[in-house]
Protein backbone atom coordinates (compact mmCIF):
# COMPACT_ATOMS: atom_id res chain seq x y z
CA MET A 1 0.00 0.00 0.00
CA ARG A 2 2.80 2.41 0.91
CA GLN A 3 4.50 1.74 -2.45
CA MET A 4 1.28 2.62 -4.28
CA LEU A 5 0.98 5.90 -2.33
CA ASP A 6 4.60 6.77 -3.15
CA THR A 7 3.91 6.07 -6.84
CA MET A 8 0.79 8.28 -6.77
CA ASP A 9 2.80 11.09 -5.13
CA ARG A 10 5.51 10.81 -7.80
CA ILE A 11 2.94 10.84 -10.64
CA PHE A 12 1.32 13.96 -9.15
CA GLU A 13 4.68 15.70 -8.73
CA ASP A 14 5.69 14.79 -12.29
CA ALA A 15 2.43 16.20 -13.63
CA MET A 16 2.96 19.47 -11.76
CA SER A 17 6.58 19.96 -12.80
CA PHE A 18 7.71 21.24 -16.16
CA PRO A 19 10.70 20.05 -18.19
CA GLY A 20 13.83 22.00 -17.45
CA SER A 21 12.46 23.57 -14.29
CA GLY A 22 14.69 21.46 -12.05
CA ARG A 23 12.11 21.57 -9.26
CA THR A 24 8.47 20.89 -8.65
CA SER A 25 6.55 24.06 -9.38
CA VAL A 26 3.34 25.21 -10.90
CA GLY A 27 4.08 27.23 -14.02
CA GLU A 28 1.80 28.65 -16.61
CA ILE A 29 -1.31 26.57 -17.15
CA ARG A 30 -3.21 26.86 -20.42
CA ALA A 31 -6.62 28.45 -20.01
CA PRO A 32 -9.60 26.26 -21.05
CA TRP A 33 -10.49 28.84 -23.73
CA ASP A 34 -8.69 31.26 -26.01
CA ILE A 35 -9.58 33.97 -28.55
CA MET A 36 -7.41 35.13 -31.43
CA GLU A 37 -8.27 37.83 -33.93
CA ASP A 38 -6.76 39.12 -37.16
CA GLU A 39 -8.08 41.41 -39.89
CA ASN A 40 -10.08 38.59 -41.55
CA GLU A 41 -11.59 36.53 -38.74
CA VAL A 42 -12.05 35.80 -35.06
CA LYS A 43 -11.00 32.33 -33.87
CA MET A 44 -12.07 30.87 -30.54
CA ARG A 45 -10.97 27.68 -28.80
CA PHE A 46 -12.89 26.02 -25.97
CA ASP A 47 -11.75 22.87 -24.16
CA MET A 48 -14.73 20.51 -23.88
CA PRO A 49 -13.25 17.14 -22.85
CA GLY A 50 -15.57 14.14 -22.92
CA LEU A 51 -18.20 15.77 -25.13
CA SER A 52 -19.10 14.52 -28.60
CA LYS A 53 -20.31 16.76 -31.42
CA GLU A 54 -23.86 15.50 -30.83
CA GLU A 55 -23.68 16.86 -27.27
CA VAL A 56 -22.50 20.35 -28.28
CA LYS A 57 -24.72 23.10 -29.68
CA VAL A 58 -23.37 26.35 -31.13
CA SER A 59 -25.76 29.11 -32.20
CA VAL A 60 -25.90 32.84 -32.84
CA GLU A 61 -28.76 34.67 -31.12
CA ASP A 62 -28.88 38.29 -32.22
CA ASP A 63 -25.36 39.54 -31.35
CA LEU A 64 -24.50 36.66 -29.01
CA LEU A 65 -22.52 33.49 -29.70
CA VAL A 66 -24.11 30.77 -27.56
CA ILE A 67 -22.25 27.54 -26.79
CA LYS A 68 -23.86 24.71 -24.82
CA GLY A 69 -22.72 21.19 -24.12
CA GLU A 70 -23.86 18.43 -21.83
CA HIS A 71 -22.72 14.86 -21.26
CA ARG A 72 -24.39 12.43 -18.87
CA GLU A 73 -23.01 9.04 -17.99
CA GLU A 74 -25.00 6.51 -16.03
CA GLU A 75 -23.54 3.82 -13.81
CA GLY A 76 -20.76 1.80 -15.40
CA SER A 77 -21.43 -1.65 -16.77
CA LYS A 78 -18.41 -3.16 -15.00
CA GLU A 79 -19.04 -4.05 -11.37
CA GLU A 80 -15.52 -3.07 -10.29
CA ASP A 81 -16.00 0.42 -11.78
CA SER A 82 -19.43 1.12 -10.29
CA TRP A 83 -18.07 2.39 -6.95
CA TRP A 84 -15.90 4.90 -8.82
CA ARG A 85 -18.15 6.00 -11.63
CA GLY A 86 -21.67 6.16 -10.31
CA ARG A 87 -23.25 9.00 -12.20
CA SER A 88 -21.26 11.72 -13.79
CA MET A 89 -22.31 14.78 -15.72
CA SER A 90 -20.32 17.46 -17.41
CA SER A 91 -21.95 20.56 -18.81
CA TYR A 92 -20.78 23.74 -20.44
CA ALA A 93 -22.65 26.93 -21.25
CA THR A 94 -21.36 30.33 -22.31
CA ARG A 95 -22.58 33.43 -24.14
CA MET A 96 -20.25 35.91 -25.81
CA LEU A 97 -21.07 39.25 -27.38
CA LEU A 98 -19.88 39.34 -31.00
CA PRO A 99 -18.31 42.44 -32.54
CA ASP A 100 -20.39 44.41 -35.05
CA ASN A 101 -18.06 43.60 -37.95
CA CYS A 102 -18.64 39.81 -37.80
CA ASP A 103 -20.44 37.86 -40.52
CA LYS A 104 -22.83 36.00 -38.21
CA ASP A 105 -24.29 33.92 -41.06
CA LYS A 106 -20.92 32.28 -41.79
CA VAL A 107 -19.89 31.09 -38.32
CA LYS A 108 -18.18 27.67 -38.42
CA ALA A 109 -17.65 25.27 -35.52
CA GLU A 110 -15.66 22.05 -35.32
CA LEU A 111 -15.18 19.71 -32.37
CA LYS A 112 -12.02 17.63 -32.55
CA ASN A 113 -10.38 15.67 -29.73
CA GLY A 114 -12.35 17.50 -27.03
CA VAL A 115 -11.54 20.96 -28.39
CA LEU A 116 -14.22 23.17 -29.96
CA LEU A 117 -12.89 25.56 -32.60
CA VAL A 118 -15.20 28.39 -33.66
CA THR A 119 -14.31 30.60 -36.63
CA ILE A 120 -16.19 33.84 -37.32
CA PRO A 121 -15.30 35.73 -40.52
CA LYS A 122 -15.20 39.49 -40.37
CA THR A 123 -17.05 41.72 -42.79
CA LYS A 124 -15.39 44.62 -44.51
CA VAL A 125 -16.53 47.79 -42.83
CA GLU A 126 -16.13 50.84 -44.96
CA ARG A 127 -15.99 53.89 -42.83
CA LYS A 128 -17.02 57.16 -44.30
CA VAL A 129 -14.71 59.92 -43.18
CA ILE A 130 -15.83 63.52 -43.51
CA ASP A 131 -13.36 66.27 -42.84
CA VAL A 132 -14.93 69.01 -40.80
CA GLU A 133 -13.56 72.46 -41.25
CA VAL A 134 -12.41 74.02 -38.04
CA GLN A 135 -13.31 77.72 -37.86
């Protein structure tokens, strides 16, 4: 039993340390979401581990991007797992205000390996500039 506890401690320490750090420390941890923007599009990444594409819904409601996901798992079929599993549920829900210059009709979403990637193209906004004479 003591050997198993020592192994668990080592695994935990290894997971918390980073290569080259030389010591156990908590460094930067990647956020479960990210947003990147350039002149052509807005890209968003959301970590949604354990969810399939059938369990995720992405929609645009007026100026809001709405993302919902829910996964329910009933008791495990294996007797030895039933004490551990029981019931589990993971859910995800977020709403984000979209910028005015987004083409809301061309939003694309893809779920791959537990990561939801949402791409929103930008529209070309022509701004009319009028010089006002200062008197």
